[in-house]
Amino acid sequence: MRPLFHLCLLTPTLVLAAEDGVKKTATDLFEVGGIPISNSILTTWIIATLIIVAVRLLVGTPKIIPNKGQALVENVASGLRDALEPIVGKKMIGKTFPVLCGFFVFILLMNWSGLLPGVGTIKYMTAEHGWQDAIRPANSDLNTTLALSVISFLAWTYFVLRYAGVKVLILDLFGNKADKKELSTPMWLMLGFIFLGVGGIEVLSIASRLISLPFRLYGNVFGGENLIHTLGGIAPYIVPAIAGMLEVLVGLIQAFVFTLLSAVYIGLICNHDAGHDEEHAH
């Protein structure tokens, strides 16, 4: 944690140049093939490149007896896998782990990118809009968190339809969960209509994930980033450094929450067979 603390001490040195904090919307910097590239996209590219380069440098060519870098990467991946396996199940962990691990590492580093000196504080002047951020934390842009939630939703759809099937999905949403042997036929039919209505509510709940996931992540990162900038204007150096340390923890928690919820959504449908097997075993 010592390097992170030193990084948090460096952050306020550039906060004074931008006491107003990060703006609500990203700023377009340039265009590539007619597609505007914003300052949050630029940060995304930089962090993604650093992730690739860092993993290649640490791991290189994987060996049976790992070096220190490979051991570090493997330990992090193993710890995350052990945490997610009970949620998605042994049958699905191997299939879903690359996506879930990618979510965690990418979101974590994007959250922490706001602590880097210059991110959200280096600005340039434009004639039309005045001072604009040259680089901003990617997850403080709602477009980035929305894109992550869409990818999570598409991954959920793929894994559920590929490994559980349409029939299991429909039965899970709208099926009558009551035991017909223990109820009279009229009562069982009445419960069937109730479960049908509950299924409709569940469909709305699934659709609402496209709102809840991105806004939770965006709100925490955007709010934390502006809190550090505000404190930098009130009491430079020490107070923003303490807030920066808090943001290290918040960034870690939010990355894990997003990954955990994505795993839970997949496990709720794809883990039915495992649940039934355990019931039969008991």
C-alpha atoms as a PDB file:
ATOM      1  CA  MET A   1       0.000   0.000   0.000  1.00  0.00           C
ATOM      2  CA  ARG A   2       3.003   2.336   0.427  1.00  0.00           C
ATOM      3  CA  PRO A   3       3.325   3.124  -3.333  1.00  0.00           C
ATOM      4  CA  LEU A   4      -0.391   3.949  -3.432  1.00  0.00           C
ATOM      5  CA  PHE A   5       0.015   6.296  -0.474  1.00  0.00           C
ATOM      6  CA  HIS A   6       2.907   8.073  -2.210  1.00  0.00           C
ATOM      7  CA  LEU A   7       0.741   8.341  -5.332  1.00  0.00           C
ATOM      8  CA  CYS A   8      -2.063   9.896  -3.287  1.00  0.00           C
ATOM      9  CA  LEU A   9       0.405  12.448  -1.916  1.00  0.00           C
ATOM     10  CA  LEU A  10       1.422  13.391  -5.458  1.00  0.00           C
ATOM     11  CA  THR A  11      -2.161  13.788  -6.679  1.00  0.00           C
ATOM     12  CA  PRO A  12      -2.899  17.089  -4.870  1.00  0.00           C
ATOM     13  CA  THR A  13       0.091  18.795  -6.517  1.00  0.00           C
ATOM     14  CA  LEU A  14      -1.928  19.152  -9.693  1.00  0.00           C
ATOM     15  CA  VAL A  15      -5.345  19.490  -8.071  1.00  0.00           C
ATOM     16  CA  LEU A  16      -4.728  23.178  -7.501  1.00  0.00           C
ATOM     17  CA  ALA A  17      -4.845  23.712 -11.256  1.00  0.00           C
ATOM     18  CA  ALA A  18      -8.372  22.354 -11.439  1.00  0.00           C
ATOM     19  CA  GLU A  19     -10.362  23.117  -8.308  1.00  0.00           C
ATOM     20  CA  ASP A  20     -13.635  22.884 -10.256  1.00  0.00           C
ATOM     21  CA  GLY A  21     -13.078  19.131 -10.673  1.00  0.00           C
ATOM     22  CA  VAL A  22     -14.058  16.848 -13.511  1.00  0.00           C
ATOM     23  CA  LYS A  23     -16.847  18.016 -15.810  1.00  0.00           C
ATOM     24  CA  LYS A  24     -20.023  15.963 -16.158  1.00  0.00           C
ATOM     25  CA  THR A  25     -19.450  15.195 -19.831  1.00  0.00           C
ATOM     26  CA  ALA A  26     -16.351  14.074 -21.695  1.00  0.00           C
ATOM     27  CA  THR A  27     -14.611  16.374 -24.177  1.00  0.00           C
ATOM     28  CA  ASP A  28     -13.824  15.357 -27.751  1.00  0.00           C
ATOM     29  CA  LEU A  29     -10.115  15.745 -28.435  1.00  0.00           C
ATOM     30  CA  PHE A  30      -9.751  14.617 -32.057  1.00  0.00           C
ATOM     31  CA  GLU A  31     -11.317  12.338 -34.663  1.00  0.00           C
ATOM     32  CA  VAL A  32     -10.255   9.003 -36.122  1.00  0.00           C
ATOM     33  CA  GLY A  33     -12.005   8.142 -39.360  1.00  0.00           C
ATOM     34  CA  GLY A  34     -14.733  10.639 -38.578  1.00  0.00           C
ATOM     35  CA  ILE A  35     -15.334   9.132 -35.115  1.00  0.00           C
ATOM     36  CA  PRO A  36     -14.765  11.605 -32.252  1.00  0.00           C
ATOM     37  CA  ILE A  37     -12.299  10.463 -29.599  1.00  0.00           C
ATOM     38  CA  SER A  38     -12.988  11.899 -26.153  1.00  0.00           C
ATOM     39  CA  ASN A  39     -10.593  12.388 -23.258  1.00  0.00           C
ATOM     40  CA  SER A  40     -12.156   9.418 -21.423  1.00  0.00           C
ATOM     41  CA  ILE A  41     -11.603   7.171 -24.457  1.00  0.00           C
ATOM     42  CA  LEU A  42      -7.983   8.315 -24.586  1.00  0.00           C
ATOM     43  CA  THR A  43      -7.580   7.308 -20.925  1.00  0.00           C
ATOM     44  CA  THR A  44      -9.177   3.941 -21.721  1.00  0.00           C
ATOM     45  CA  TRP A  45      -6.683   3.323 -24.525  1.00  0.00           C
ATOM     46  CA  ILE A  46      -3.738   4.292 -22.328  1.00  0.00           C
ATOM     47  CA  ILE A  47      -4.797   2.069 -19.418  1.00  0.00           C
ATOM     48  CA  ALA A  48      -5.658  -0.859 -21.713  1.00  0.00           C
ATOM     49  CA  THR A  49      -2.231  -0.586 -23.340  1.00  0.00           C
ATOM     50  CA  LEU A  50      -0.552  -0.499 -19.928  1.00  0.00           C
ATOM     51  CA  ILE A  51      -2.453  -3.628 -18.838  1.00  0.00           C
ATOM     52  CA  ILE A  52      -1.309  -5.545 -21.931  1.00  0.00           C
ATOM     53  CA  VAL A  53       2.285  -4.378 -21.647  1.00  0.00           C
ATOM     54  CA  ALA A  54       2.428  -5.041 -17.882  1.00  0.00           C
ATOM     55  CA  VAL A  55       1.101  -8.594 -18.220  1.00  0.00           C
ATOM     56  CA  ARG A  56       3.495  -9.346 -21.064  1.00  0.00           C
ATOM     57  CA  LEU A  57       6.440  -8.002 -19.082  1.00  0.00           C
ATOM     58  CA  LEU A  58       5.464  -9.808 -15.888  1.00  0.00           C
ATOM     59  CA  VAL A  59       4.560 -13.158 -17.436  1.00  0.00           C
ATOM     60  CA  GLY A  60       6.436 -13.292 -20.735  1.00  0.00           C
ATOM     61  CA  THR A  61       6.357 -16.911 -21.886  1.00  0.00           C
ATOM     62  CA  PRO A  62       4.514 -18.910 -19.165  1.00  0.00           C
ATOM     63  CA  LYS A  63       6.745 -21.477 -17.483  1.00  0.00           C
ATOM     64  CA  ILE A  64       6.029 -24.536 -15.349  1.00  0.00           C
ATOM     65  CA  ILE A  65       8.141 -23.008 -12.599  1.00  0.00           C
ATOM     66  CA  PRO A  66       6.891 -19.405 -12.608  1.00  0.00           C
ATOM     67  CA  ASN A  67       9.076 -16.368 -12.110  1.00  0.00           C
ATOM     68  CA  LYS A  68       8.042 -13.637  -9.661  1.00  0.00           C
ATOM     69  CA  GLY A  69       5.951 -11.762 -12.209  1.00  0.00           C
ATOM     70  CA  GLN A  70       4.101 -14.840 -13.398  1.00  0.00           C
ATOM     71  CA  ALA A  71       3.541 -15.944  -9.792  1.00  0.00           C
ATOM     72  CA  LEU A  72       2.059 -12.522  -8.968  1.00  0.00           C
ATOM     73  CA  VAL A  73      -0.372 -12.636 -11.892  1.00  0.00           C
ATOM     74  CA  GLU A  74      -1.313 -16.251 -11.159  1.00  0.00           C
ATOM     75  CA  ASN A  75      -1.926 -15.530  -7.461  1.00  0.00           C
ATOM     76  CA  VAL A  76      -4.207 -12.594  -8.259  1.00  0.00           C
ATOM     77  CA  ALA A  77      -6.110 -14.638 -10.858  1.00  0.00           C
ATOM     78  CA  SER A  78      -6.334 -17.643  -8.517  1.00  0.00           C
ATOM     79  CA  GLY A  79      -7.661 -15.540  -5.646  1.00  0.00           C
ATOM     80  CA  LEU A  80     -10.307 -13.934  -7.837  1.00  0.00           C
ATOM     81  CA  ARG A  81     -11.276 -17.318  -9.292  1.00  0.00           C
ATOM     82  CA  ASP A  82     -11.673 -18.815  -5.819  1.00  0.00           C
ATOM     83  CA  ALA A  83     -13.948 -15.926  -4.834  1.00  0.00           C
ATOM     84  CA  LEU A  84     -16.158 -16.250  -7.932  1.00  0.00           C
ATOM     85  CA  GLU A  85     -16.357 -20.041  -8.249  1.00  0.00           C
ATOM     86  CA  PRO A  86     -18.999 -20.559  -5.501  1.00  0.00           C
ATOM     87  CA  ILE A  87     -21.185 -17.964  -7.245  1.00  0.00           C
ATOM     88  CA  VAL A  88     -21.127 -19.102 -10.864  1.00  0.00           C
ATOM     89  CA  GLY A  89     -20.506 -22.751 -10.014  1.00  0.00           C
ATOM     90  CA  LYS A  90     -17.736 -25.194 -10.906  1.00  0.00           C
ATOM     91  CA  LYS A  91     -19.362 -25.948 -14.239  1.00  0.00           C
ATOM     92  CA  MET A  92     -19.338 -22.302 -15.361  1.00  0.00           C
ATOM     93  CA  ILE A  93     -16.235 -20.808 -13.724  1.00  0.00           C
ATOM     94  CA  GLY A  94     -13.866 -21.923 -16.486  1.00  0.00           C
ATOM     95  CA  LYS A  95     -16.131 -20.480 -19.172  1.00  0.00           C
ATOM     96  CA  THR A  96     -16.964 -17.181 -17.469  1.00  0.00           C
ATOM     97  CA  PHE A  97     -13.701 -16.404 -15.664  1.00  0.00           C
ATOM     98  CA  PRO A  98     -11.906 -14.660 -18.589  1.00  0.00           C
ATOM     99  CA  VAL A  99     -14.797 -12.190 -18.889  1.00  0.00           C
ATOM    100  CA  LEU A 100     -15.210 -11.685 -15.140  1.00  0.00           C
ATOM    101  CA  CYS A 101     -11.466 -11.308 -14.581  1.00  0.00           C
ATOM    102  CA  GLY A 102     -11.317  -8.810 -17.433  1.00  0.00           C
ATOM    103  CA  PHE A 103     -14.108  -6.786 -15.822  1.00  0.00           C
ATOM    104  CA  PHE A 104     -12.364  -6.697 -12.458  1.00  0.00           C
ATOM    105  CA  VAL A 105      -8.879  -5.739 -13.671  1.00  0.00           C
ATOM    106  CA  PHE A 106     -10.115  -3.215 -16.239  1.00  0.00           C
ATOM    107  CA  ILE A 107     -12.588  -1.481 -13.912  1.00  0.00           C
ATOM    108  CA  LEU A 108     -10.137  -1.472 -10.992  1.00  0.00           C
ATOM    109  CA  LEU A 109      -7.387   0.237 -12.974  1.00  0.00           C
ATOM    110  CA  MET A 110      -9.855   2.643 -14.569  1.00  0.00           C
ATOM    111  CA  ASN A 111     -11.117   3.586 -11.106  1.00  0.00           C
ATOM    112  CA  TRP A 112      -7.581   4.102  -9.824  1.00  0.00           C
ATOM    113  CA  SER A 113      -6.559   6.061 -12.918  1.00  0.00           C
ATOM    114  CA  GLY A 114      -8.115   9.160 -11.369  1.00  0.00           C
ATOM    115  CA  LEU A 115      -5.393   9.091  -8.707  1.00  0.00           C
ATOM    116  CA  LEU A 116      -2.616   9.468 -11.271  1.00  0.00           C
ATOM    117  CA  PRO A 117      -1.138  12.989 -11.314  1.00  0.00           C
ATOM    118  CA  GLY A 118      -2.479  14.863 -14.319  1.00  0.00           C
ATOM    119  CA  VAL A 119      -5.611  12.760 -14.879  1.00  0.00           C
ATOM    120  CA  GLY A 120      -8.518  15.175 -14.542  1.00  0.00           C
ATOM    121  CA  THR A 121      -6.203  18.089 -13.804  1.00  0.00           C
ATOM    122  CA  ILE A 122      -4.206  18.690 -17.005  1.00  0.00           C
ATOM    123  CA  LYS A 123      -6.312  21.064 -19.092  1.00  0.00           C
ATOM    124  CA  TYR A 124      -6.156  22.896 -22.387  1.00  0.00           C
ATOM    125  CA  MET A 125      -7.879  26.042 -23.601  1.00  0.00           C
ATOM    126  CA  THR A 126     -10.509  26.032 -26.355  1.00  0.00           C
ATOM    127  CA  ALA A 127     -12.046  29.119 -27.901  1.00  0.00           C
ATOM    128  CA  GLU A 128     -15.555  27.646 -27.754  1.00  0.00           C
ATOM    129  CA  HIS A 129     -15.715  25.966 -24.320  1.00  0.00           C
ATOM    130  CA  GLY A 130     -12.791  27.438 -22.370  1.00  0.00           C
ATOM    131  CA  TRP A 131     -10.686  25.132 -20.210  1.00  0.00           C
ATOM    132  CA  GLN A 132     -11.228  21.415 -20.884  1.00  0.00           C
ATOM    133  CA  ASP A 133      -9.761  18.235 -19.395  1.00  0.00           C
ATOM    134  CA  ALA A 134      -7.059  16.672 -21.557  1.00  0.00           C
ATOM    135  CA  ILE A 135      -7.338  13.338 -19.746  1.00  0.00           C
ATOM    136  CA  ARG A 136     -10.102  12.225 -17.387  1.00  0.00           C
ATOM    137  CA  PRO A 137     -10.849   9.001 -15.471  1.00  0.00           C
ATOM    138  CA  ALA A 138     -12.666   6.707 -17.886  1.00  0.00           C
ATOM    139  CA  ASN A 139     -15.264   5.556 -15.352  1.00  0.00           C
ATOM    140  CA  SER A 140     -16.182   9.146 -14.509  1.00  0.00           C
ATOM    141  CA  ASP A 141     -17.744   9.187 -17.993  1.00  0.00           C
ATOM    142  CA  LEU A 142     -21.233   7.651 -18.047  1.00  0.00           C
ATOM    143  CA  ASN A 143     -20.628   6.408 -21.603  1.00  0.00           C
ATOM    144  CA  THR A 144     -17.855   4.098 -20.350  1.00  0.00           C
ATOM    145  CA  THR A 145     -19.906   2.594 -17.522  1.00  0.00           C
ATOM    146  CA  LEU A 146     -22.892   2.174 -19.844  1.00  0.00           C
ATOM    147  CA  ALA A 147     -20.673   0.319 -22.316  1.00  0.00           C
ATOM    148  CA  LEU A 148     -19.428  -1.958 -19.506  1.00  0.00           C
ATOM    149  CA  SER A 149     -22.998  -2.726 -18.440  1.00  0.00           C
ATOM    150  CA  VAL A 150     -24.016  -3.528 -22.026  1.00  0.00           C
ATOM    151  CA  ILE A 151     -21.060  -5.927 -22.343  1.00  0.00           C
ATOM    152  CA  SER A 152     -22.045  -7.514 -19.015  1.00  0.00           C
ATOM    153  CA  PHE A 153     -25.644  -7.901 -20.201  1.00  0.00           C
ATOM    154  CA  LEU A 154     -24.583  -9.421 -23.519  1.00  0.00           C
ATOM    155  CA  ALA A 155     -22.234 -11.812 -21.691  1.00  0.00           C
ATOM    156  CA  TRP A 156     -25.094 -12.829 -19.376  1.00  0.00           C
ATOM    157  CA  THR A 157     -27.365 -13.422 -22.368  1.00  0.00           C
ATOM    158  CA  TYR A 158     -24.746 -15.540 -24.148  1.00  0.00           C
ATOM    159  CA  PHE A 159     -23.857 -17.724 -21.161  1.00  0.00           C
ATOM    160  CA  VAL A 160     -27.490 -18.269 -20.152  1.00  0.00           C
ATOM    161  CA  LEU A 161     -28.691 -19.162 -23.640  1.00  0.00           C
ATOM    162  CA  ARG A 162     -25.551 -21.178 -24.471  1.00  0.00           C
ATOM    163  CA  TYR A 163     -25.206 -23.235 -21.294  1.00  0.00           C
ATOM    164  CA  ALA A 164     -28.665 -23.156 -19.661  1.00  0.00           C
ATOM    165  CA  GLY A 165     -30.946 -22.811 -22.662  1.00  0.00           C
ATOM    166  CA  VAL A 166     -34.138 -20.958 -23.481  1.00  0.00           C
ATOM    167  CA  LYS A 167     -36.315 -23.544 -21.700  1.00  0.00           C
ATOM    168  CA  VAL A 168     -34.459 -23.177 -18.392  1.00  0.00           C
ATOM    169  CA  LEU A 169     -34.592 -19.389 -18.677  1.00  0.00           C
ATOM    170  CA  ILE A 170     -38.346 -19.326 -19.311  1.00  0.00           C
ATOM    171  CA  LEU A 171     -39.055 -21.822 -16.528  1.00  0.00           C
ATOM    172  CA  ASP A 172     -36.883 -19.836 -14.130  1.00  0.00           C
ATOM    173  CA  LEU A 173     -38.701 -16.611 -14.950  1.00  0.00           C
ATOM    174  CA  PHE A 174     -42.295 -17.744 -15.408  1.00  0.00           C
ATOM    175  CA  GLY A 175     -42.443 -21.354 -14.226  1.00  0.00           C
ATOM    176  CA  ASN A 176     -44.610 -22.495 -11.330  1.00  0.00           C
ATOM    177  CA  LYS A 177     -42.197 -23.232  -8.477  1.00  0.00           C
ATOM    178  CA  ALA A 178     -44.857 -24.847  -6.261  1.00  0.00           C
ATOM    179  CA  ASP A 179     -44.870 -28.616  -5.802  1.00  0.00           C
ATOM    180  CA  LYS A 180     -47.974 -29.942  -7.552  1.00  0.00           C
ATOM    181  CA  LYS A 181     -47.993 -33.067  -5.389  1.00  0.00           C
ATOM    182  CA  GLU A 182     -48.446 -31.060  -2.195  1.00  0.00           C
ATOM    183  CA  LEU A 183     -51.205 -28.739  -3.482  1.00  0.00           C
ATOM    184  CA  SER A 184     -54.669 -29.070  -4.916  1.00  0.00           C
ATOM    185  CA  THR A 185     -55.003 -28.426  -8.644  1.00  0.00           C
ATOM    186  CA  PRO A 186     -56.939 -25.101  -8.259  1.00  0.00           C
ATOM    187  CA  MET A 187     -54.370 -23.780  -5.779  1.00  0.00           C
ATOM    188  CA  TRP A 188     -51.501 -24.868  -8.033  1.00  0.00           C
ATOM    189  CA  LEU A 189     -53.088 -23.117 -11.026  1.00  0.00           C
ATOM    190  CA  MET A 190     -53.672 -19.947  -9.028  1.00  0.00           C
ATOM    191  CA  LEU A 191     -50.036 -19.939  -7.949  1.00  0.00           C
ATOM    192  CA  GLY A 192     -49.106 -20.409 -11.603  1.00  0.00           C
ATOM    193  CA  PHE A 193     -50.736 -17.064 -12.464  1.00  0.00           C
ATOM    194  CA  ILE A 194     -48.942 -15.427  -9.538  1.00  0.00           C
ATOM    195  CA  PHE A 195     -45.565 -16.772 -10.671  1.00  0.00           C
ATOM    196  CA  LEU A 196     -46.370 -15.548 -14.190  1.00  0.00           C
ATOM    197  CA  GLY A 197     -46.798 -12.025 -12.835  1.00  0.00           C
ATOM    198  CA  VAL A 198     -43.635 -12.358 -10.771  1.00  0.00           C
ATOM    199  CA  GLY A 199     -41.843 -13.379 -13.967  1.00  0.00           C
ATOM    200  CA  GLY A 200     -42.920 -10.132 -15.616  1.00  0.00           C
ATOM    201  CA  ILE A 201     -41.483  -8.193 -12.687  1.00  0.00           C
ATOM    202  CA  GLU A 202     -38.286 -10.235 -12.962  1.00  0.00           C
ATOM    203  CA  VAL A 203     -37.966  -9.298 -16.654  1.00  0.00           C
ATOM    204  CA  LEU A 204     -38.181  -5.620 -15.660  1.00  0.00           C
ATOM    205  CA  SER A 205     -35.570  -6.277 -12.975  1.00  0.00           C
ATOM    206  CA  ILE A 206     -33.216  -7.831 -15.539  1.00  0.00           C
ATOM    207  CA  ALA A 207     -33.690  -4.868 -17.886  1.00  0.00           C
ATOM    208  CA  SER A 208     -33.027  -2.436 -15.016  1.00  0.00           C
ATOM    209  CA  ARG A 209     -29.511  -3.864 -14.670  1.00  0.00           C
ATOM    210  CA  LEU A 210     -28.581  -1.734 -17.675  1.00  0.00           C
ATOM    211  CA  ILE A 211     -29.332   1.272 -15.457  1.00  0.00           C
ATOM    212  CA  SER A 212     -28.281   0.152 -11.974  1.00  0.00           C
ATOM    213  CA  LEU A 213     -24.836  -1.215 -12.901  1.00  0.00           C
ATOM    214  CA  PRO A 214     -23.509   1.805 -14.827  1.00  0.00           C
ATOM    215  CA  PHE A 215     -24.964   4.513 -12.567  1.00  0.00           C
ATOM    216  CA  ARG A 216     -23.606   2.882  -9.407  1.00  0.00           C
ATOM    217  CA  LEU A 217     -20.091   2.748 -10.834  1.00  0.00           C
ATOM    218  CA  TYR A 218     -20.280   6.172 -12.476  1.00  0.00           C
ATOM    219  CA  GLY A 219     -21.675   7.869  -9.359  1.00  0.00           C
ATOM    220  CA  ASN A 220     -18.964   6.537  -7.063  1.00  0.00           C
ATOM    221  CA  VAL A 221     -16.059   7.343  -9.392  1.00  0.00           C
ATOM    222  CA  PHE A 222     -17.341  10.739 -10.542  1.00  0.00           C
ATOM    223  CA  GLY A 223     -18.272  11.764  -6.993  1.00  0.00           C
ATOM    224  CA  GLY A 224     -14.967  10.599  -5.534  1.00  0.00           C
ATOM    225  CA  GLU A 225     -12.943  12.372  -8.214  1.00  0.00           C
ATOM    226  CA  ASN A 226     -14.723  15.676  -7.627  1.00  0.00           C
ATOM    227  CA  LEU A 227     -14.448  15.243  -3.858  1.00  0.00           C
ATOM    228  CA  ILE A 228     -10.652  15.073  -4.142  1.00  0.00           C
ATOM    229  CA  HIS A 229     -10.594  18.185  -6.350  1.00  0.00           C
ATOM    230  CA  THR A 230     -12.872  20.096  -3.962  1.00  0.00           C
ATOM    231  CA  LEU A 231     -10.777  19.171  -0.934  1.00  0.00           C
ATOM    232  CA  GLY A 232      -7.679  20.203  -2.875  1.00  0.00           C
ATOM    233  CA  GLY A 233      -9.084  23.712  -3.153  1.00  0.00           C
ATOM    234  CA  ILE A 234     -10.004  23.862   0.550  1.00  0.00           C
ATOM    235  CA  ALA A 235      -7.002  22.205   2.194  1.00  0.00           C
ATOM    236  CA  PRO A 236      -4.248  21.180  -0.258  1.00  0.00           C
ATOM    237  CA  TYR A 237      -1.986  18.141   0.090  1.00  0.00           C
ATOM    238  CA  ILE A 238      -2.879  16.376   3.361  1.00  0.00           C
ATOM    239  CA  VAL A 239      -6.683  16.215   3.181  1.00  0.00           C
ATOM    240  CA  PRO A 240      -6.810  15.242  -0.528  1.00  0.00           C
ATOM    241  CA  ALA A 241      -4.182  12.571   0.164  1.00  0.00           C
ATOM    242  CA  ILE A 242      -6.407  11.032   2.841  1.00  0.00           C
ATOM    243  CA  ALA A 243      -9.377  11.187   0.451  1.00  0.00           C
ATOM    244  CA  GLY A 244      -7.179   9.601  -2.214  1.00  0.00           C
ATOM    245  CA  MET A 245      -6.450   6.655   0.071  1.00  0.00           C
ATOM    246  CA  LEU A 246     -10.186   6.285   0.613  1.00  0.00           C
ATOM    247  CA  GLU A 247     -10.689   6.297  -3.159  1.00  0.00           C
ATOM    248  CA  VAL A 248      -8.197   3.417  -3.456  1.00  0.00           C
ATOM    249  CA  LEU A 249     -10.533   1.363  -1.268  1.00  0.00           C
ATOM    250  CA  VAL A 250     -13.687   2.591  -3.018  1.00  0.00           C
ATOM    251  CA  GLY A 251     -12.204   1.803  -6.429  1.00  0.00           C
ATOM    252  CA  LEU A 252     -11.373  -1.732  -5.314  1.00  0.00           C
ATOM    253  CA  ILE A 253     -14.836  -2.288  -3.823  1.00  0.00           C
ATOM    254  CA  GLN A 254     -16.671  -0.933  -6.860  1.00  0.00           C
ATOM    255  CA  ALA A 255     -14.632  -3.097  -9.253  1.00  0.00           C
ATOM    256  CA  PHE A 256     -15.390  -6.170  -7.155  1.00  0.00           C
ATOM    257  CA  VAL A 257     -19.099  -5.265  -6.806  1.00  0.00           C
ATOM    258  CA  PHE A 258     -19.523  -4.904 -10.571  1.00  0.00           C
ATOM    259  CA  THR A 259     -17.745  -8.217 -11.179  1.00  0.00           C
ATOM    260  CA  LEU A 260     -19.613  -9.938  -8.351  1.00  0.00           C
ATOM    261  CA  LEU A 261     -23.029  -8.803  -9.593  1.00  0.00           C
ATOM    262  CA  SER A 262     -22.200  -9.953 -13.128  1.00  0.00           C
ATOM    263  CA  ALA A 263     -21.235 -13.357 -11.678  1.00  0.00           C
ATOM    264  CA  VAL A 264     -24.405 -13.531  -9.563  1.00  0.00           C
ATOM    265  CA  TYR A 265     -26.641 -12.815 -12.564  1.00  0.00           C
ATOM    266  CA  ILE A 266     -25.020 -15.657 -14.507  1.00  0.00           C
ATOM    267  CA  GLY A 267     -24.995 -18.053 -11.570  1.00  0.00           C
ATOM    268  CA  LEU A 268     -28.670 -17.527 -10.750  1.00  0.00           C
ATOM    269  CA  ILE A 269     -29.684 -19.173 -14.043  1.00  0.00           C
ATOM    270  CA  CYS A 270     -26.753 -21.412 -14.945  1.00  0.00           C
ATOM    271  CA  ASN A 271     -26.342 -22.901 -11.464  1.00  0.00           C
ATOM    272  CA  HIS A 272     -29.731 -24.644 -11.320  1.00  0.00           C
ATOM    273  CA  ASP A 273     -28.377 -28.054 -12.273  1.00  0.00           C
ATOM    274  CA  ALA A 274     -25.742 -27.863  -9.560  1.00  0.00           C
ATOM    275  CA  GLY A 275     -28.394 -26.894  -7.036  1.00  0.00           C
ATOM    276  CA  HIS A 276     -30.607 -29.814  -7.984  1.00  0.00           C
ATOM    277  CA  ASP A 277     -27.666 -32.222  -7.828  1.00  0.00           C
ATOM    278  CA  GLU A 278     -26.879 -31.064  -4.291  1.00  0.00           C
ATOM    279  CA  GLU A 279     -30.509 -31.533  -3.247  1.00  0.00           C
ATOM    280  CA  HIS A 280     -30.543 -35.079  -4.601  1.00  0.00           C
ATOM    281  CA  ALA A 281     -27.237 -35.803  -2.868  1.00  0.00           C
ATOM    282  CA  HIS A 282     -28.718 -34.769   0.489  1.00  0.00           C
END
